């Protein structure tokens, strides 16, 4: 009998948050996902695309693998990178980590 009484109070809607409370909870959860996950990733992707579009010959860059070098040629999807005096490698633009900002020592 106690079990039946407790289930009736849950389904009646007076004891819980109600249907509006659940909707508000879902909206708040969606807003949290947007501001904590989706928005920062879009901003980061936009900055990386701008960096790849502004890439020019002579820029010093680093790759996501940690290789430092100077851009010697640029194609549609690839970049040629001089990593030493006589060594050049071709790599995808998507593997560029960023511009190398050297500090004067």
N, C-alpha and C. Protein backbone atom coordinates (compact mmCIF):
# COMPACT_ATOMS: atom_id res chain seq x y z
N UNK A 1 0.81 -1.17 0.00
CA UNK A 1 0.00 0.00 0.00
C UNK A 1 0.88 1.26 0.00
N UNK A 2 1.98 1.26 0.75
CA UNK A 2 2.89 2.40 0.76
C UNK A 2 3.51 2.60 -0.61
N UNK A 3 3.83 1.50 -1.29
CA UNK A 3 4.43 1.56 -2.62
C UNK A 3 3.46 2.20 -3.62
N UNK A 4 2.20 1.86 -3.53
CA UNK A 4 1.21 2.44 -4.43
C UNK A 4 1.01 3.93 -4.15
N UNK A 5 1.04 4.32 -2.93
CA UNK A 5 0.86 5.72 -2.57
C UNK A 5 2.03 6.56 -3.06
N UNK A 6 3.25 6.02 -2.99
CA UNK A 6 4.41 6.80 -3.42
C UNK A 6 4.44 6.94 -4.93
N UNK A 7 4.00 5.96 -5.69
CA UNK A 7 3.99 6.10 -7.14
C UNK A 7 2.90 7.06 -7.59
N UNK A 8 1.80 7.14 -6.86
CA UNK A 8 0.75 8.09 -7.21
C UNK A 8 1.23 9.53 -7.03
N UNK A 9 2.03 9.77 -6.01
CA UNK A 9 2.51 11.14 -5.79
C UNK A 9 3.51 11.55 -6.86
N UNK A 10 4.24 10.59 -7.46
CA UNK A 10 5.19 10.92 -8.51
C UNK A 10 4.46 11.25 -9.81
N UNK A 11 3.38 10.55 -10.09
CA UNK A 11 2.69 10.78 -11.36
C UNK A 11 1.73 11.96 -11.30
N UNK A 12 1.38 12.41 -10.14
CA UNK A 12 0.42 13.51 -10.05
C UNK A 12 1.03 14.84 -10.47
N UNK A 13 2.35 15.00 -10.39
CA UNK A 13 3.02 16.22 -10.83
C UNK A 13 3.12 17.28 -9.75
N UNK A 14 2.54 17.10 -8.61
CA UNK A 14 2.62 18.12 -7.58
C UNK A 14 3.89 17.99 -6.76
N UNK A 15 4.46 16.81 -6.70
CA UNK A 15 5.64 16.62 -5.86
C UNK A 15 6.94 16.88 -6.57
N UNK A 16 6.97 16.83 -7.91
CA UNK A 16 8.22 16.98 -8.65
C UNK A 16 8.35 18.35 -9.27
N UNK A 17 9.27 18.46 -10.24
CA UNK A 17 9.51 19.73 -10.90
C UNK A 17 8.40 20.06 -11.89
N UNK A 18 7.72 19.07 -12.37
CA UNK A 18 6.69 19.32 -13.37
C UNK A 18 7.28 19.31 -14.76
N UNK A 19 6.44 19.42 -15.76
CA UNK A 19 6.91 19.36 -17.14
C UNK A 19 7.71 20.60 -17.53
N UNK A 20 7.38 21.76 -16.99
CA UNK A 20 8.14 22.97 -17.30
C UNK A 20 9.55 22.91 -16.72
N UNK A 21 9.68 22.31 -15.59
CA UNK A 21 11.00 22.16 -14.97
C UNK A 21 11.91 21.29 -15.80
N UNK A 22 11.39 20.26 -16.39
CA UNK A 22 12.20 19.36 -17.23
C UNK A 22 12.62 20.09 -18.50
N UNK A 23 11.71 20.85 -19.08
CA UNK A 23 12.04 21.60 -20.29
C UNK A 23 13.13 22.63 -20.00
N UNK A 24 13.02 23.32 -18.88
CA UNK A 24 14.03 24.30 -18.49
C UNK A 24 15.37 23.61 -18.27
N UNK A 25 15.36 22.46 -17.66
CA UNK A 25 16.58 21.69 -17.41
C UNK A 25 17.25 21.29 -18.73
N UNK A 26 16.47 20.85 -19.70
CA UNK A 26 17.02 20.44 -21.00
C UNK A 26 17.58 21.65 -21.74
N UNK A 27 16.90 22.77 -21.67
CA UNK A 27 17.40 23.99 -22.33
C UNK A 27 18.70 24.46 -21.68
N UNK A 28 18.77 24.43 -20.38
CA UNK A 28 20.01 24.82 -19.69
C UNK A 28 21.16 23.88 -20.03
N UNK A 29 20.88 22.59 -20.13
CA UNK A 29 21.90 21.61 -20.48
C UNK A 29 22.40 21.85 -21.91
N UNK A 30 21.48 22.13 -22.83
CA UNK A 30 21.87 22.42 -24.21
C UNK A 30 22.71 23.70 -24.28
N UNK A 31 22.35 24.71 -23.51
CA UNK A 31 23.12 25.96 -23.48
C UNK A 31 24.53 25.72 -22.95
N UNK A 32 24.65 24.89 -21.93
CA UNK A 32 25.97 24.56 -21.39
C UNK A 32 26.82 23.88 -22.44
N UNK A 33 26.27 22.90 -23.16
CA UNK A 33 27.02 22.22 -24.21
C UNK A 33 27.46 23.21 -25.27
N UNK A 34 26.59 24.13 -25.64
CA UNK A 34 26.94 25.09 -26.68
C UNK A 34 28.10 25.99 -26.23
N UNK A 35 27.99 26.58 -25.04
CA UNK A 35 29.01 27.53 -24.59
C UNK A 35 30.30 26.87 -24.13
N UNK A 36 30.26 25.63 -23.70
CA UNK A 36 31.48 24.97 -23.22
C UNK A 36 32.15 24.10 -24.26
N UNK A 37 31.42 23.60 -25.26
CA UNK A 37 32.01 22.69 -26.23
C UNK A 37 31.95 23.20 -27.67
N UNK A 38 30.78 23.52 -28.15
CA UNK A 38 30.61 23.82 -29.56
C UNK A 38 31.22 25.16 -29.94
N UNK A 39 30.94 26.20 -29.19
CA UNK A 39 31.42 27.55 -29.51
C UNK A 39 32.94 27.66 -29.50
N UNK A 40 33.64 27.13 -28.49
CA UNK A 40 35.12 27.21 -28.53
C UNK A 40 35.73 26.44 -29.70
N UNK A 41 35.13 25.28 -30.07
CA UNK A 41 35.67 24.53 -31.19
C UNK A 41 35.48 25.28 -32.51
N UNK A 42 34.35 25.93 -32.68
CA UNK A 42 34.12 26.73 -33.90
C UNK A 42 35.12 27.87 -33.98
N UNK A 43 35.38 28.53 -32.85
CA UNK A 43 36.33 29.64 -32.83
C UNK A 43 37.74 29.16 -33.18
N UNK A 44 38.13 28.02 -32.64
CA UNK A 44 39.45 27.47 -32.90
C UNK A 44 39.58 27.06 -34.38
N UNK A 45 38.54 26.46 -34.94
CA UNK A 45 38.56 26.06 -36.34
C UNK A 45 38.64 27.29 -37.25
N UNK A 46 37.93 28.37 -36.89
CA UNK A 46 37.95 29.60 -37.67
C UNK A 46 39.35 30.22 -37.66
N UNK A 47 39.99 30.25 -36.49
CA UNK A 47 41.34 30.80 -36.37
C UNK A 47 42.34 29.99 -37.19
N UNK A 48 42.21 28.67 -37.19
CA UNK A 48 43.13 27.81 -37.95
C UNK A 48 42.93 28.02 -39.44
N UNK A 49 41.68 28.15 -39.90
CA UNK A 49 41.43 28.40 -41.31
C UNK A 49 42.00 29.75 -41.74
N UNK A 50 41.89 30.77 -40.91
CA UNK A 50 42.47 32.08 -41.21
C UNK A 50 43.99 31.99 -41.30
N UNK A 51 44.59 31.21 -40.40
CA UNK A 51 46.03 31.05 -40.40
C UNK A 51 46.48 30.37 -41.70
N UNK A 52 45.76 29.33 -42.13
CA UNK A 52 46.14 28.63 -43.36
C UNK A 52 45.95 29.51 -44.59
N UNK A 53 44.92 30.37 -44.59
CA UNK A 53 44.70 31.26 -45.72
C UNK A 53 45.75 32.37 -45.78
N UNK A 54 46.29 32.79 -44.64
CA UNK A 54 47.30 33.85 -44.59
C UNK A 54 48.72 33.33 -44.69
N UNK A 55 48.90 32.04 -44.89
CA UNK A 55 50.22 31.43 -44.97
C UNK A 55 50.93 31.91 -46.23
N UNK A 56 52.20 32.26 -46.11
CA UNK A 56 52.97 32.72 -47.28
C UNK A 56 54.37 32.13 -47.23
N UNK A 57 55.03 32.19 -48.37
CA UNK A 57 56.40 31.67 -48.48
C UNK A 57 57.30 32.49 -47.56
N UNK A 58 58.14 31.79 -46.81
CA UNK A 58 59.06 32.45 -45.88
C UNK A 58 58.59 32.42 -44.44
N UNK A 59 57.35 32.05 -44.21
CA UNK A 59 56.85 31.98 -42.83
C UNK A 59 57.50 30.81 -42.09
N UNK A 60 57.83 31.04 -40.85
CA UNK A 60 58.35 29.97 -40.00
C UNK A 60 57.19 29.37 -39.23
N UNK A 61 57.01 28.06 -39.38
CA UNK A 61 55.87 27.39 -38.77
C UNK A 61 56.34 26.15 -38.02
N UNK A 62 55.42 25.58 -37.25
CA UNK A 62 55.65 24.28 -36.63
C UNK A 62 54.47 23.38 -36.96
N UNK A 63 54.75 22.08 -36.99
CA UNK A 63 53.70 21.12 -37.29
C UNK A 63 53.15 20.56 -35.98
N UNK A 64 52.03 19.85 -36.09
CA UNK A 64 51.46 19.25 -34.89
C UNK A 64 52.36 18.15 -34.35
N UNK A 65 53.29 17.66 -35.17
CA UNK A 65 54.25 16.66 -34.73
C UNK A 65 55.49 17.27 -34.10
N UNK A 66 55.61 18.60 -34.13
CA UNK A 66 56.73 19.26 -33.48
C UNK A 66 57.88 19.61 -34.40
N UNK A 67 57.70 19.53 -35.70
CA UNK A 67 58.77 19.86 -36.65
C UNK A 67 58.73 21.35 -36.94
N UNK A 68 59.89 22.00 -36.84
CA UNK A 68 60.02 23.42 -37.14
C UNK A 68 60.62 23.60 -38.52
N UNK A 69 60.16 24.61 -39.25
CA UNK A 69 60.72 24.85 -40.57
C UNK A 69 60.19 26.11 -41.19
N UNK A 70 60.66 26.36 -42.43
CA UNK A 70 60.28 27.54 -43.19
C UNK A 70 59.53 27.11 -44.44
N UNK A 71 58.44 27.78 -44.73
CA UNK A 71 57.62 27.45 -45.90
C UNK A 71 58.37 27.89 -47.16
N UNK A 72 58.50 26.96 -48.14
CA UNK A 72 59.17 27.29 -49.39
C UNK A 72 58.20 27.29 -50.57
N UNK A 73 57.18 26.45 -50.56
CA UNK A 73 56.17 26.40 -51.63
C UNK A 73 54.81 26.11 -51.01
N UNK A 74 53.77 26.64 -51.64
CA UNK A 74 52.41 26.40 -51.16
C UNK A 74 51.56 25.92 -52.34
N UNK A 75 50.84 24.82 -52.10
CA UNK A 75 49.89 24.31 -53.09
C UNK A 75 48.50 24.38 -52.47
N UNK A 76 47.52 23.80 -53.15
CA UNK A 76 46.14 23.85 -52.64
C UNK A 76 46.00 23.20 -51.28
N UNK A 77 46.46 21.96 -51.16
CA UNK A 77 46.27 21.22 -49.91
C UNK A 77 47.57 20.93 -49.17
N UNK A 78 48.71 21.20 -49.81
CA UNK A 78 50.00 20.86 -49.21
C UNK A 78 50.92 22.07 -49.14
N UNK A 79 51.96 21.91 -48.34
CA UNK A 79 52.98 22.95 -48.13
C UNK A 79 54.33 22.26 -48.13
N UNK A 80 55.31 22.88 -48.78
CA UNK A 80 56.68 22.39 -48.72
C UNK A 80 57.38 23.15 -47.60
N UNK A 81 58.06 22.40 -46.73
CA UNK A 81 58.69 22.96 -45.55
C UNK A 81 60.17 22.63 -45.55
N UNK A 82 61.03 23.66 -45.46
CA UNK A 82 62.48 23.45 -45.35
C UNK A 82 62.80 23.29 -43.87
N UNK A 83 63.30 22.10 -43.52
CA UNK A 83 63.59 21.82 -42.11
C UNK A 83 65.08 21.87 -41.81
N UNK A 84 65.92 21.80 -42.83
CA UNK A 84 67.35 22.03 -42.67
C UNK A 84 67.87 22.59 -43.99
N UNK A 85 69.17 22.77 -44.09
CA UNK A 85 69.73 23.45 -45.26
C UNK A 85 69.39 22.76 -46.58
N UNK A 86 69.45 21.45 -46.62
CA UNK A 86 69.21 20.72 -47.87
C UNK A 86 68.01 19.77 -47.79
N UNK A 87 67.18 19.93 -46.78
CA UNK A 87 66.07 18.99 -46.59
C UNK A 87 64.74 19.73 -46.61
N UNK A 88 63.88 19.28 -47.53
CA UNK A 88 62.52 19.81 -47.60
C UNK A 88 61.53 18.65 -47.52
N UNK A 89 60.41 18.91 -46.89
CA UNK A 89 59.36 17.90 -46.80
C UNK A 89 58.05 18.53 -47.26
N UNK A 90 57.18 17.67 -47.78
CA UNK A 90 55.85 18.12 -48.17
C UNK A 90 54.87 17.60 -47.13
N UNK A 91 54.01 18.47 -46.66
CA UNK A 91 53.03 18.06 -45.66
C UNK A 91 51.70 18.71 -45.92
N UNK A 92 50.66 18.13 -45.37
CA UNK A 92 49.32 18.67 -45.52
C UNK A 92 49.17 19.95 -44.71
N UNK A 93 48.36 20.87 -45.23
CA UNK A 93 48.12 22.12 -44.51
C UNK A 93 47.44 21.85 -43.16
N UNK A 94 46.65 20.79 -43.11
CA UNK A 94 45.94 20.49 -41.86
C UNK A 94 46.88 20.04 -40.74
N UNK A 95 48.11 19.69 -41.07
CA UNK A 95 49.05 19.28 -40.03
C UNK A 95 49.90 20.44 -39.50
N UNK A 96 49.60 21.65 -39.93
CA UNK A 96 50.32 22.83 -39.43
C UNK A 96 49.75 23.19 -38.07
N UNK A 97 50.62 23.34 -37.09
CA UNK A 97 50.20 23.69 -35.74
C UNK A 97 50.07 25.19 -35.53
N UNK A 98 50.96 25.97 -36.15
CA UNK A 98 50.91 27.42 -35.97
C UNK A 98 52.20 28.06 -36.43
N UNK A 99 52.25 29.36 -36.27
CA UNK A 99 53.45 30.11 -36.63
C UNK A 99 54.47 30.00 -35.51
N UNK A 100 55.75 29.90 -35.87
CA UNK A 100 56.82 29.80 -34.91
C UNK A 100 57.27 31.22 -34.55
N UNK A 101 57.07 31.59 -33.33
CA UNK A 101 57.48 32.92 -32.85
C UNK A 101 58.76 32.76 -32.06
N UNK A 102 59.85 33.08 -32.68
CA UNK A 102 61.14 32.92 -32.03
C UNK A 102 61.38 34.06 -31.05
N UNK A 103 61.97 33.70 -29.93
CA UNK A 103 62.34 34.74 -28.96
C UNK A 103 63.82 35.04 -29.16
N UNK A 104 64.16 36.29 -29.10
CA UNK A 104 65.57 36.69 -29.25
C UNK A 104 66.34 36.29 -28.00
N UNK A 105 67.42 35.57 -28.23
CA UNK A 105 68.23 35.09 -27.10
C UNK A 105 69.53 35.83 -27.03
